[in-house]
Every structure is written in structure tokens, then in C-alpha cells.
Amino acid sequence: MVEQPAPQRTPPADPTGPRATAEPRPTADPTVAATDPDVDLHLPAQRAELRAHPALLLGVIAAGGALGACARYGAALAWPTHPGGFGWTTVAVNTVGCAAIGMLMALVRATRLAHPLARPFLGTGILGGFTTFSTYAVDVDGHLDDGRPLTALAALALTPAAALAAVWAATAVTRGLLARCGERRRGERRR
């Protein structure tokens, strides 16, 4: 038997794309570069980002994740789903969490004074721990086990549709509010 070499993972189509070469965004502390928790370890420029302070980055994400998971658990305790019931709490948590992610990303992109660990702590950590697509999958599976395929299909469609609509709407509203604030500031400076 001839051993075959392990398959190599192919790099992204454009390894020199915008994420690979983007300059770090200025922050309140110019000695610290912004940290992107969505690092593609196959790109050397991004791999270096994680190497700078891996324990700090992972610790910040873990702390945020613990807070988000506790908030999600608190919502489940406050508004429990009864056996055989529809998981409205799961839909609400995912919708609210995705709206918050949309607001956060719009604020982080527009505000150059954000701390470099704000996005990993708030986005990947707190909001990643708060949103719960695993519970969503368990809810769908439970409906199928209970012989309610239409309810399972409704849950399967509703959660991602509501989550995507929430992130889009929250991003659009936040960008609009930021633009209005910017116009007001420019108007006040002219006076």
C-alpha cells in the first residue's frame, strides 16, 4: 500500500486581498494596533496579528463569551420555552444579538477611537456568547422529534431571516444616525 501525502489546504483565491494588506486603523492608543478576532491563519500578515498578544486576545474573548452566555441563560430562565412550545426566546435572543452586532460593527468602523480589544470583547465574546445558533438547532431537532415538521421548518426559516434582517436594519440605522451626527458637527464648526 502506497501512502498518499496529506491533502494541502488551498489558500484563499486572493491572498493579497483587502484583509491581507489593510493598514491597521488608528486607535486611541497609537502604540496598539486594532485586533481582528476573525484572523485567517493562512495569511502571514494576519497570523502575526494573533502572535502579538494571544493570551490577552483569547482571555478577552473568553471573558466576553462568559458574560454573553450568562445573559443568554438568564433570558432562557426569564422566558422559558415550555415542552412542545415554540422557541420564541431563542428567536428573540438571536435577533437582538444580531441587531447589537450590526450596531457594534457600524460603530467600530466609524469610530477610530475604539480600543483595539473592543471588537473581540464585545463582538466575538459577549455577542458571540449571547447569540445561540446551537440552541436554535436543538429547537428545530426537538420539533422534528415531536413529529412537527412544519413547526421545525418555521423555526428553521424564522431565526436566520429575523437575525439577518436585524443586523441589516441595525447597521443601516446606526450608519444613518452617525451620518446625521457628523453633519451636525460640521454645521456647528462652520458657525
N, C-alpha and C. Protein backbone atom coordinates (compact mmCIF):
# COMPACT_ATOMS: atom_id res chain seq x y z
N MET A 1 0.84 -1.17 0.00
CA MET A 1 0.00 0.00 0.00
C MET A 1 0.89 1.24 0.00
N VAL A 2 0.62 2.15 -0.93
CA VAL A 2 1.41 3.36 -1.06
C VAL A 2 0.72 4.47 -0.27
N GLU A 3 1.49 5.12 0.59
CA GLU A 3 0.90 6.21 1.37
C GLU A 3 0.82 7.47 0.52
N GLN A 4 -0.32 8.09 0.59
CA GLN A 4 -0.53 9.34 -0.11
C GLN A 4 -0.20 10.49 0.83
N PRO A 5 0.39 11.55 0.32
CA PRO A 5 0.64 12.71 1.19
C PRO A 5 -0.68 13.33 1.61
N ALA A 6 -0.67 13.92 2.78
CA ALA A 6 -1.88 14.58 3.29
C ALA A 6 -2.28 15.69 2.34
N PRO A 7 -3.58 15.84 2.10
CA PRO A 7 -4.02 16.92 1.21
C PRO A 7 -3.67 18.28 1.81
N GLN A 8 -3.23 19.18 0.96
CA GLN A 8 -2.89 20.52 1.39
C GLN A 8 -4.12 21.41 1.29
N ARG A 9 -4.32 22.22 2.28
CA ARG A 9 -5.43 23.18 2.24
C ARG A 9 -5.06 24.27 1.25
N THR A 10 -5.95 24.55 0.34
CA THR A 10 -5.65 25.57 -0.66
C THR A 10 -5.86 26.94 -0.04
N PRO A 11 -4.97 27.88 -0.36
CA PRO A 11 -5.12 29.23 0.19
C PRO A 11 -6.32 29.93 -0.43
N PRO A 12 -6.76 31.02 0.18
CA PRO A 12 -7.88 31.77 -0.40
C PRO A 12 -7.54 32.19 -1.82
N ALA A 13 -8.57 32.46 -2.61
CA ALA A 13 -8.39 32.80 -4.01
C ALA A 13 -7.48 34.01 -4.19
N ASP A 14 -7.58 35.00 -3.32
CA ASP A 14 -6.77 36.20 -3.46
C ASP A 14 -6.05 36.47 -2.14
N PRO A 15 -4.86 35.86 -1.95
CA PRO A 15 -4.17 36.04 -0.68
C PRO A 15 -3.67 37.46 -0.46
N THR A 16 -3.76 38.31 -1.47
CA THR A 16 -3.35 39.70 -1.29
C THR A 16 -4.56 40.60 -1.24
N GLY A 17 -5.71 40.05 -0.90
CA GLY A 17 -6.96 40.81 -0.83
C GLY A 17 -6.91 41.89 0.24
N PRO A 18 -8.01 42.62 0.41
CA PRO A 18 -8.02 43.77 1.30
C PRO A 18 -7.71 43.42 2.75
N ARG A 19 -8.10 42.24 3.22
CA ARG A 19 -7.83 41.90 4.61
C ARG A 19 -6.35 41.61 4.83
N ALA A 20 -5.68 41.10 3.80
CA ALA A 20 -4.28 40.73 3.97
C ALA A 20 -3.37 41.96 4.01
N THR A 21 -3.76 43.02 3.33
CA THR A 21 -2.86 44.16 3.22
C THR A 21 -3.40 45.41 3.90
N ALA A 22 -4.56 45.33 4.51
CA ALA A 22 -5.15 46.52 5.11
C ALA A 22 -4.25 47.06 6.21
N GLU A 23 -4.10 48.37 6.22
CA GLU A 23 -3.32 49.02 7.26
C GLU A 23 -4.13 49.01 8.54
N PRO A 24 -3.50 48.85 9.70
CA PRO A 24 -4.25 48.91 10.93
C PRO A 24 -4.87 50.28 11.10
N ARG A 25 -6.07 50.30 11.65
CA ARG A 25 -6.80 51.53 11.86
C ARG A 25 -6.25 52.25 13.10
N PRO A 26 -6.11 53.58 13.04
CA PRO A 26 -5.62 54.30 14.21
C PRO A 26 -6.58 54.11 15.38
N THR A 27 -6.04 54.07 16.58
CA THR A 27 -6.85 53.88 17.78
C THR A 27 -6.53 54.99 18.77
N ALA A 28 -7.23 54.96 19.91
CA ALA A 28 -6.97 55.94 20.95
C ALA A 28 -5.52 55.83 21.42
N ASP A 29 -4.98 54.65 21.43
CA ASP A 29 -3.59 54.43 21.82
C ASP A 29 -2.81 54.07 20.56
N PRO A 30 -2.06 55.01 19.99
CA PRO A 30 -1.39 54.74 18.71
C PRO A 30 -0.32 53.67 18.78
N THR A 31 0.07 53.24 19.98
CA THR A 31 1.09 52.18 20.08
C THR A 31 0.48 50.79 19.97
N VAL A 32 -0.85 50.70 19.98
CA VAL A 32 -1.53 49.40 19.94
C VAL A 32 -2.36 49.33 18.67
N ALA A 33 -2.13 48.32 17.85
CA ALA A 33 -2.90 48.14 16.61
C ALA A 33 -4.23 47.48 16.93
N ALA A 34 -5.24 47.77 16.12
CA ALA A 34 -6.55 47.14 16.29
C ALA A 34 -6.41 45.63 16.13
N THR A 35 -7.22 44.90 16.87
CA THR A 35 -7.17 43.44 16.84
C THR A 35 -8.42 42.92 16.17
N ASP A 36 -8.25 42.09 15.17
CA ASP A 36 -9.35 41.47 14.45
C ASP A 36 -9.48 40.03 14.92
N PRO A 37 -10.59 39.66 15.58
CA PRO A 37 -10.72 38.29 16.07
C PRO A 37 -10.95 37.28 14.96
N ASP A 38 -11.25 37.75 13.77
CA ASP A 38 -11.52 36.85 12.65
C ASP A 38 -10.26 36.69 11.80
N VAL A 39 -9.22 36.20 12.41
CA VAL A 39 -7.92 36.09 11.75
C VAL A 39 -7.87 34.84 10.88
N ASP A 40 -7.42 35.00 9.65
CA ASP A 40 -7.19 33.87 8.76
C ASP A 40 -5.73 33.45 8.93
N LEU A 41 -5.50 32.36 9.61
CA LEU A 41 -4.15 31.93 9.95
C LEU A 41 -3.33 31.51 8.73
N HIS A 42 -3.95 31.44 7.57
CA HIS A 42 -3.21 31.09 6.36
C HIS A 42 -2.56 32.30 5.71
N LEU A 43 -2.87 33.49 6.19
CA LEU A 43 -2.28 34.71 5.66
C LEU A 43 -1.24 35.22 6.65
N PRO A 44 0.02 35.30 6.24
CA PRO A 44 1.09 35.70 7.17
C PRO A 44 0.83 37.03 7.87
N ALA A 45 0.30 38.02 7.16
CA ALA A 45 0.05 39.32 7.78
C ALA A 45 -0.96 39.20 8.92
N GLN A 46 -1.94 38.33 8.78
CA GLN A 46 -2.94 38.16 9.82
C GLN A 46 -2.45 37.24 10.93
N ARG A 47 -1.63 36.27 10.57
CA ARG A 47 -1.08 35.35 11.57
C ARG A 47 -0.25 36.13 12.59
N ALA A 48 0.47 37.14 12.12
CA ALA A 48 1.30 37.96 13.00
C ALA A 48 0.43 38.73 14.00
N GLU A 49 -0.77 39.08 13.59
CA GLU A 49 -1.68 39.80 14.47
C GLU A 49 -2.02 38.98 15.72
N LEU A 50 -2.24 37.71 15.56
CA LEU A 50 -2.58 36.85 16.68
C LEU A 50 -1.37 36.60 17.57
N ARG A 51 -0.18 36.52 16.95
CA ARG A 51 1.03 36.24 17.72
C ARG A 51 1.40 37.37 18.67
N ALA A 52 0.95 38.59 18.41
CA ALA A 52 1.35 39.73 19.21
C ALA A 52 0.97 39.56 20.69
N HIS A 53 -0.26 39.21 20.96
CA HIS A 53 -0.73 39.05 22.34
C HIS A 53 -1.81 37.97 22.39
N PRO A 54 -1.47 36.70 22.11
CA PRO A 54 -2.52 35.67 22.02
C PRO A 54 -3.25 35.44 23.34
N ALA A 55 -2.55 35.45 24.46
CA ALA A 55 -3.21 35.18 25.74
C ALA A 55 -4.19 36.30 26.07
N LEU A 56 -3.80 37.53 25.82
CA LEU A 56 -4.68 38.66 26.09
C LEU A 56 -5.92 38.60 25.20
N LEU A 57 -5.72 38.37 23.92
CA LEU A 57 -6.84 38.30 22.98
C LEU A 57 -7.79 37.17 23.35
N LEU A 58 -7.26 35.98 23.59
CA LEU A 58 -8.12 34.85 23.94
C LEU A 58 -8.79 35.05 25.29
N GLY A 59 -8.09 35.68 26.23
CA GLY A 59 -8.69 35.96 27.53
C GLY A 59 -9.84 36.95 27.43
N VAL A 60 -9.67 37.98 26.62
CA VAL A 60 -10.72 38.98 26.42
C VAL A 60 -11.94 38.34 25.77
N ILE A 61 -11.72 37.51 24.76
CA ILE A 61 -12.83 36.83 24.09
C ILE A 61 -13.52 35.87 25.05
N ALA A 62 -12.75 35.12 25.84
CA ALA A 62 -13.34 34.17 26.79
C ALA A 62 -14.16 34.89 27.86
N ALA A 63 -13.63 36.01 28.38
CA ALA A 63 -14.38 36.76 29.39
C ALA A 63 -15.68 37.30 28.81
N GLY A 64 -15.61 37.85 27.61
CA GLY A 64 -16.82 38.34 26.96
C GLY A 64 -17.80 37.22 26.68
N GLY A 65 -17.27 36.08 26.22
CA GLY A 65 -18.13 34.93 25.94
C GLY A 65 -18.86 34.44 27.18
N ALA A 66 -18.16 34.44 28.32
CA ALA A 66 -18.80 34.01 29.57
C ALA A 66 -19.93 34.96 29.94
N LEU A 67 -19.71 36.26 29.79
CA LEU A 67 -20.76 37.23 30.09
C LEU A 67 -21.96 37.06 29.15
N GLY A 68 -21.68 36.90 27.86
CA GLY A 68 -22.76 36.72 26.89
C GLY A 68 -23.55 35.45 27.13
N ALA A 69 -22.85 34.36 27.45
CA ALA A 69 -23.54 33.09 27.71
C ALA A 69 -24.41 33.20 28.97
N CYS A 70 -23.93 33.91 29.98
CA CYS A 70 -24.74 34.11 31.20
C CYS A 70 -25.99 34.93 30.89
N ALA A 71 -25.85 35.95 30.05
CA ALA A 71 -27.01 36.76 29.66
C ALA A 71 -28.01 35.92 28.88
N ARG A 72 -27.50 35.07 28.00
CA ARG A 72 -28.38 34.20 27.21
C ARG A 72 -29.11 33.22 28.12
N TYR A 73 -28.40 32.64 29.09
CA TYR A 73 -29.00 31.72 30.04
C TYR A 73 -30.04 32.44 30.89
N GLY A 74 -29.74 33.68 31.27
CA GLY A 74 -30.71 34.48 32.03
C GLY A 74 -31.99 34.71 31.24
N ALA A 75 -31.87 34.95 29.94
CA ALA A 75 -33.06 35.12 29.10
C ALA A 75 -33.87 33.84 29.05
N ALA A 76 -33.19 32.69 28.98
CA ALA A 76 -33.90 31.40 28.96
C ALA A 76 -34.61 31.14 30.29
N LEU A 77 -34.02 31.60 31.38
CA LEU A 77 -34.68 31.43 32.69
C LEU A 77 -35.86 32.39 32.83
N ALA A 78 -35.70 33.61 32.33
CA ALA A 78 -36.77 34.61 32.44
C ALA A 78 -37.96 34.28 31.54
N TRP A 79 -37.69 33.75 30.36
CA TRP A 79 -38.75 33.43 29.40
C TRP A 79 -38.55 32.00 28.90
N PRO A 80 -38.87 31.01 29.74
CA PRO A 80 -38.61 29.62 29.34
C PRO A 80 -39.54 29.16 28.22
N THR A 81 -39.02 28.23 27.43
CA THR A 81 -39.83 27.59 26.40
C THR A 81 -40.41 26.33 27.00
N HIS A 82 -41.70 26.23 27.02
CA HIS A 82 -42.36 25.07 27.61
C HIS A 82 -42.25 23.87 26.68
N PRO A 83 -42.25 22.66 27.22
CA PRO A 83 -42.14 21.46 26.37
C PRO A 83 -43.21 21.49 25.27
N GLY A 84 -42.75 21.28 24.06
CA GLY A 84 -43.65 21.29 22.91
C GLY A 84 -43.93 22.68 22.38
N GLY A 85 -43.41 23.73 23.04
CA GLY A 85 -43.65 25.10 22.61
C GLY A 85 -42.62 25.56 21.60
N PHE A 86 -42.92 26.69 21.01
CA PHE A 86 -42.02 27.29 20.03
C PHE A 86 -40.95 28.08 20.77
N GLY A 87 -39.73 28.04 20.31
CA GLY A 87 -38.60 28.69 20.98
C GLY A 87 -38.51 30.18 20.70
N TRP A 88 -39.51 30.93 21.15
CA TRP A 88 -39.51 32.37 20.90
C TRP A 88 -38.34 33.07 21.58
N THR A 89 -37.92 32.57 22.73
CA THR A 89 -36.77 33.18 23.41
C THR A 89 -35.52 33.04 22.57
N THR A 90 -35.34 31.89 21.96
CA THR A 90 -34.17 31.68 21.09
C THR A 90 -34.21 32.63 19.91
N VAL A 91 -35.38 32.77 19.30
CA VAL A 91 -35.52 33.70 18.16
C VAL A 91 -35.22 35.12 18.63
N ALA A 92 -35.76 35.51 19.77
CA ALA A 92 -35.56 36.87 20.28
C ALA A 92 -34.09 37.13 20.62
N VAL A 93 -33.45 36.18 21.30
CA VAL A 93 -32.05 36.34 21.67
C VAL A 93 -31.19 36.50 20.42
N ASN A 94 -31.39 35.66 19.43
CA ASN A 94 -30.61 35.74 18.20
C ASN A 94 -30.88 37.03 17.45
N THR A 95 -32.12 37.48 17.44
CA THR A 95 -32.48 38.71 16.73
C THR A 95 -31.87 39.92 17.43
N VAL A 96 -32.02 40.00 18.74
CA VAL A 96 -31.45 41.11 19.50
C VAL A 96 -29.92 41.09 19.40
N GLY A 97 -29.33 39.91 19.53
CA GLY A 97 -27.88 39.80 19.44
C GLY A 97 -27.35 40.22 18.09
N CYS A 98 -28.03 39.83 17.03
CA CYS A 98 -27.58 40.22 15.69
C CYS A 98 -27.77 41.71 15.45
N ALA A 99 -28.83 42.29 15.99
CA ALA A 99 -29.01 43.74 15.89
C ALA A 99 -27.86 44.45 16.61
N ALA A 100 -27.50 43.96 17.78
CA ALA A 100 -26.39 44.55 18.53
C ALA A 100 -25.07 44.40 17.77
N ILE A 101 -24.88 43.26 17.10
CA ILE A 101 -23.67 43.06 16.30
C ILE A 101 -23.64 44.07 15.15
N GLY A 102 -24.78 44.30 14.50
CA GLY A 102 -24.84 45.29 13.43
C GLY A 102 -24.50 46.68 13.92
N MET A 103 -25.05 47.07 15.08
CA MET A 103 -24.73 48.38 15.67
C MET A 103 -23.25 48.47 16.01
N LEU A 104 -22.74 47.43 16.65
CA LEU A 104 -21.33 47.42 17.07
C LEU A 104 -20.40 47.57 15.87
N MET A 105 -20.64 46.81 14.83
CA MET A 105 -19.75 46.86 13.67
C MET A 105 -19.81 48.22 12.98
N ALA A 106 -21.00 48.82 12.93
CA ALA A 106 -21.10 50.16 12.34
C ALA A 106 -20.35 51.18 13.19
N LEU A 107 -20.47 51.06 14.51
CA LEU A 107 -19.76 51.97 15.41
C LEU A 107 -18.25 51.78 15.34
N VAL A 108 -17.81 50.53 15.32
CA VAL A 108 -16.37 50.26 15.27
C VAL A 108 -15.77 50.78 13.97
N ARG A 109 -16.48 50.61 12.88
CA ARG A 109 -15.96 51.09 11.59
C ARG A 109 -15.92 52.61 11.52
N ALA A 110 -16.89 53.27 12.14
CA ALA A 110 -16.98 54.72 12.06
C ALA A 110 -16.12 55.43 13.10
N THR A 111 -15.85 54.77 14.21
CA THR A 111 -15.13 55.38 15.31
C THR A 111 -13.70 54.90 15.33
N ARG A 112 -12.81 55.78 15.14
CA ARG A 112 -11.39 55.40 15.13
C ARG A 112 -10.79 55.42 16.53
N LEU A 113 -11.57 55.77 17.51
CA LEU A 113 -11.06 55.84 18.87
C LEU A 113 -11.38 54.59 19.68
N ALA A 114 -11.98 53.59 19.06
CA ALA A 114 -12.32 52.36 19.78
C ALA A 114 -11.05 51.65 20.24
N HIS A 115 -11.12 51.08 21.42
CA HIS A 115 -9.98 50.31 21.93
C HIS A 115 -9.76 49.10 21.03
N PRO A 116 -8.53 48.69 20.81
CA PRO A 116 -8.27 47.57 19.89
C PRO A 116 -8.90 46.24 20.32
N LEU A 117 -9.21 46.09 21.59
CA LEU A 117 -9.84 44.84 22.05
C LEU A 117 -11.35 44.96 22.18
N ALA A 118 -11.91 46.11 21.78
CA ALA A 118 -13.37 46.30 21.89
C ALA A 118 -14.14 45.30 21.02
N ARG A 119 -13.71 45.15 19.78
CA ARG A 119 -14.42 44.24 18.88
C ARG A 119 -14.32 42.79 19.34
N PRO A 120 -13.13 42.29 19.70
CA PRO A 120 -13.09 40.91 20.18
C PRO A 120 -13.90 40.70 21.46
N PHE A 121 -13.84 41.66 22.39
CA PHE A 121 -14.57 41.51 23.65
C PHE A 121 -16.07 41.59 23.45
N LEU A 122 -16.52 42.65 22.78
CA LEU A 122 -17.96 42.86 22.61
C LEU A 122 -18.56 41.98 21.52
N GLY A 123 -17.91 41.92 20.36
CA GLY A 123 -18.48 41.18 19.23
C GLY A 123 -18.32 39.68 19.34
N THR A 124 -17.07 39.23 19.29
CA THR A 124 -16.81 37.79 19.33
C THR A 124 -17.14 37.23 20.71
N GLY A 125 -16.82 37.97 21.77
CA GLY A 125 -17.03 37.49 23.12
C GLY A 125 -18.48 37.59 23.57
N ILE A 126 -18.90 38.79 23.99
CA ILE A 126 -20.24 38.95 24.58
C ILE A 126 -21.33 38.56 23.59
N LEU A 127 -21.33 39.16 22.41
CA LEU A 127 -22.43 38.89 21.48
C LEU A 127 -22.33 37.51 20.85
N GLY A 128 -21.12 37.00 20.70
CA GLY A 128 -20.96 35.62 20.23
C GLY A 128 -21.46 34.62 21.26
N GLY A 129 -21.23 34.91 22.55
CA GLY A 129 -21.74 34.04 23.61
C GLY A 129 -23.24 34.20 23.82
N PHE A 130 -23.76 35.39 23.53
CA PHE A 130 -25.19 35.66 23.73
C PHE A 130 -26.04 35.01 22.65
N THR A 131 -25.66 35.18 21.39
CA THR A 131 -26.43 34.56 20.31
C THR A 131 -26.24 33.05 20.39
N THR A 132 -27.26 32.33 19.97
CA THR A 132 -27.26 30.89 20.24
C THR A 132 -27.81 30.09 19.10
N PHE A 133 -27.01 29.90 18.09
CA PHE A 133 -27.48 29.09 16.98
C PHE A 133 -27.44 27.60 17.30
N SER A 134 -26.72 27.22 18.34
CA SER A 134 -26.77 25.81 18.74
C SER A 134 -28.13 25.48 19.36
N THR A 135 -28.66 26.38 20.19
CA THR A 135 -29.98 26.16 20.77
C THR A 135 -31.04 26.18 19.67
N TYR A 136 -30.84 27.03 18.70
CA TYR A 136 -31.73 27.09 17.54
C TYR A 136 -31.79 25.72 16.84
N ALA A 137 -30.63 25.10 16.65
CA ALA A 137 -30.59 23.78 16.00
C ALA A 137 -31.25 22.72 16.88
N VAL A 138 -31.05 22.81 18.18
CA VAL A 138 -31.68 21.85 19.11
C VAL A 138 -33.20 22.04 19.09
N ASP A 139 -33.65 23.29 19.02
CA ASP A 139 -35.10 23.55 18.94
C ASP A 139 -35.70 22.92 17.69
N VAL A 140 -35.03 23.11 16.56
CA VAL A 140 -35.52 22.54 15.29
C VAL A 140 -35.55 21.02 15.40
N ASP A 141 -34.49 20.43 15.93
CA ASP A 141 -34.44 18.98 16.10
C ASP A 141 -35.55 18.48 17.02
N GLY A 142 -35.82 19.22 18.08
CA GLY A 142 -36.90 18.84 19.00
C GLY A 142 -38.26 18.84 18.33
N HIS A 143 -38.50 19.83 17.48
CA HIS A 143 -39.77 19.86 16.74
C HIS A 143 -39.89 18.66 15.80
N LEU A 144 -38.79 18.29 15.18
CA LEU A 144 -38.82 17.11 14.30
C LEU A 144 -39.05 15.84 15.11
N ASP A 145 -38.38 15.73 16.27
CA ASP A 145 -38.58 14.56 17.13
C ASP A 145 -40.01 14.45 17.63
N ASP A 146 -40.64 15.61 17.84
CA ASP A 146 -42.04 15.64 18.31
C ASP A 146 -43.04 15.44 17.18
N GLY A 147 -42.55 15.22 15.97
CA GLY A 147 -43.44 15.00 14.83
C GLY A 147 -44.10 16.27 14.33
N ARG A 148 -43.41 17.40 14.46
CA ARG A 148 -43.96 18.68 13.99
C ARG A 148 -43.02 19.29 12.95
N PRO A 149 -43.01 18.71 11.74
CA PRO A 149 -42.08 19.19 10.72
C PRO A 149 -42.37 20.63 10.26
N LEU A 150 -43.63 21.03 10.24
CA LEU A 150 -43.93 22.39 9.81
C LEU A 150 -43.43 23.42 10.83
N THR A 151 -43.54 23.09 12.10
CA THR A 151 -43.02 23.97 13.15
C THR A 151 -41.50 24.02 13.05
N ALA A 152 -40.88 22.88 12.79
CA ALA A 152 -39.42 22.83 12.62
C ALA A 152 -39.01 23.70 11.43
N LEU A 153 -39.73 23.59 10.34
CA LEU A 153 -39.42 24.39 9.15
C LEU A 153 -39.61 25.88 9.44
N ALA A 154 -40.66 26.22 10.19
CA ALA A 154 -40.88 27.63 10.55
C ALA A 154 -39.72 28.16 11.39
N ALA A 155 -39.29 27.37 12.38
CA ALA A 155 -38.17 27.79 13.22
C ALA A 155 -36.89 27.88 12.40
N LEU A 156 -36.71 26.92 11.50
CA LEU A 156 -35.53 26.88 10.66
C LEU A 156 -35.43 28.13 9.78
N ALA A 157 -36.56 28.61 9.30
CA ALA A 157 -36.57 29.78 8.42
C ALA A 157 -36.61 31.09 9.19
N LEU A 158 -37.37 31.13 10.29
CA LEU A 158 -37.59 32.38 11.00
C LEU A 158 -36.33 32.92 11.67
N THR A 159 -35.59 32.07 12.34
CA THR A 159 -34.42 32.56 13.09
C THR A 159 -33.39 33.23 12.20
N PRO A 160 -32.90 32.59 11.14
CA PRO A 160 -31.91 33.30 10.31
C PRO A 160 -32.49 34.50 9.58
N ALA A 161 -33.77 34.43 9.17
CA ALA A 161 -34.38 35.57 8.48
C ALA A 161 -34.47 36.77 9.44
N ALA A 162 -34.93 36.53 10.66
CA ALA A 162 -35.02 37.62 11.64
C ALA A 162 -33.64 38.15 12.01
N ALA A 163 -32.67 37.25 12.16
CA ALA A 163 -31.32 37.66 12.53
C ALA A 163 -30.68 38.50 11.43
N LEU A 164 -30.81 38.08 10.18
CA LEU A 164 -30.24 38.84 9.07
C LEU A 164 -30.93 40.19 8.90
N ALA A 165 -32.26 40.20 9.05
CA ALA A 165 -32.99 41.47 8.95
C ALA A 165 -32.57 42.41 10.07
N ALA A 166 -32.37 41.87 11.27
CA ALA A 166 -31.98 42.70 12.41
C ALA A 166 -30.59 43.30 12.22
N VAL A 167 -29.64 42.50 11.76
CA VAL A 167 -28.28 43.03 11.58
C VAL A 167 -28.26 44.07 10.47
N TRP A 168 -29.01 43.84 9.41
CA TRP A 168 -29.07 44.81 8.32
C TRP A 168 -29.71 46.11 8.79
N ALA A 169 -30.88 46.01 9.45
CA ALA A 169 -31.59 47.21 9.90
C ALA A 169 -30.78 47.99 10.93
N ALA A 170 -30.19 47.29 11.89
CA ALA A 170 -29.42 47.98 12.93
C ALA A 170 -28.19 48.66 12.34
N THR A 171 -27.55 48.02 11.38
CA THR A 171 -26.39 48.64 10.73
C THR A 171 -26.82 49.89 9.97
N ALA A 172 -27.91 49.79 9.21
CA ALA A 172 -28.39 50.92 8.43
C ALA A 172 -28.80 52.09 9.33
N VAL A 173 -29.53 51.81 10.40
CA VAL A 173 -29.97 52.86 11.31
C VAL A 173 -28.77 53.51 12.00
N THR A 174 -27.83 52.69 12.46
CA THR A 174 -26.65 53.23 13.14
C THR A 174 -25.82 54.09 12.19
N ARG A 175 -25.62 53.63 10.98
CA ARG A 175 -24.87 54.44 10.00
C ARG A 175 -25.59 55.75 9.72
N GLY A 176 -26.92 55.69 9.60
CA GLY A 176 -27.70 56.91 9.37
C GLY A 176 -27.57 57.89 10.52
N LEU A 177 -27.66 57.39 11.76
CA LEU A 177 -27.52 58.26 12.93
C LEU A 177 -26.12 58.85 13.01
N LEU A 178 -25.12 58.04 12.71
CA LEU A 178 -23.75 58.55 12.73
C LEU A 178 -23.55 59.62 11.66
N ALA A 179 -24.15 59.45 10.50
CA ALA A 179 -24.04 60.44 9.43
C ALA A 179 -24.71 61.75 9.85
N ARG A 180 -25.88 61.65 10.50
CA ARG A 180 -26.57 62.86 10.97
C ARG A 180 -25.75 63.57 12.03
N CYS A 181 -25.16 62.82 12.94
CA CYS A 181 -24.31 63.42 13.97
C CYS A 181 -23.11 64.12 13.34
N GLY A 182 -22.54 63.50 12.33
CA GLY A 182 -21.40 64.10 11.63
C GLY A 182 -21.80 65.38 10.92
N GLU A 183 -22.99 65.42 10.32
CA GLU A 183 -23.46 66.63 9.65
C GLU A 183 -23.67 67.74 10.66
N ARG A 184 -24.24 67.42 11.81
CA ARG A 184 -24.46 68.44 12.85
C ARG A 184 -23.13 69.02 13.31
N ARG A 185 -22.16 68.15 13.54
CA ARG A 185 -20.84 68.64 14.00
C ARG A 185 -20.20 69.54 12.96
N ARG A 186 -20.31 69.17 11.70
CA ARG A 186 -19.73 70.01 10.64
C ARG A 186 -20.45 71.37 10.58
N GLY A 187 -21.77 71.34 10.78
CA GLY A 187 -22.55 72.59 10.78
C GLY A 187 -22.18 73.50 11.95
N GLU A 188 -21.95 72.92 13.11
CA GLU A 188 -21.57 73.70 14.28
C GLU A 188 -20.19 74.31 14.13
N ARG A 189 -19.28 73.63 13.46
CA ARG A 189 -17.93 74.14 13.26
C ARG A 189 -17.92 75.34 12.31
N ARG A 190 -18.86 75.37 11.37
CA ARG A 190 -18.92 76.45 10.39
C ARG A 190 -19.38 77.76 11.03
N ARG A 191 -20.13 77.67 12.11
CA ARG A 191 -20.67 78.89 12.74
C ARG A 191 -19.65 79.66 13.42
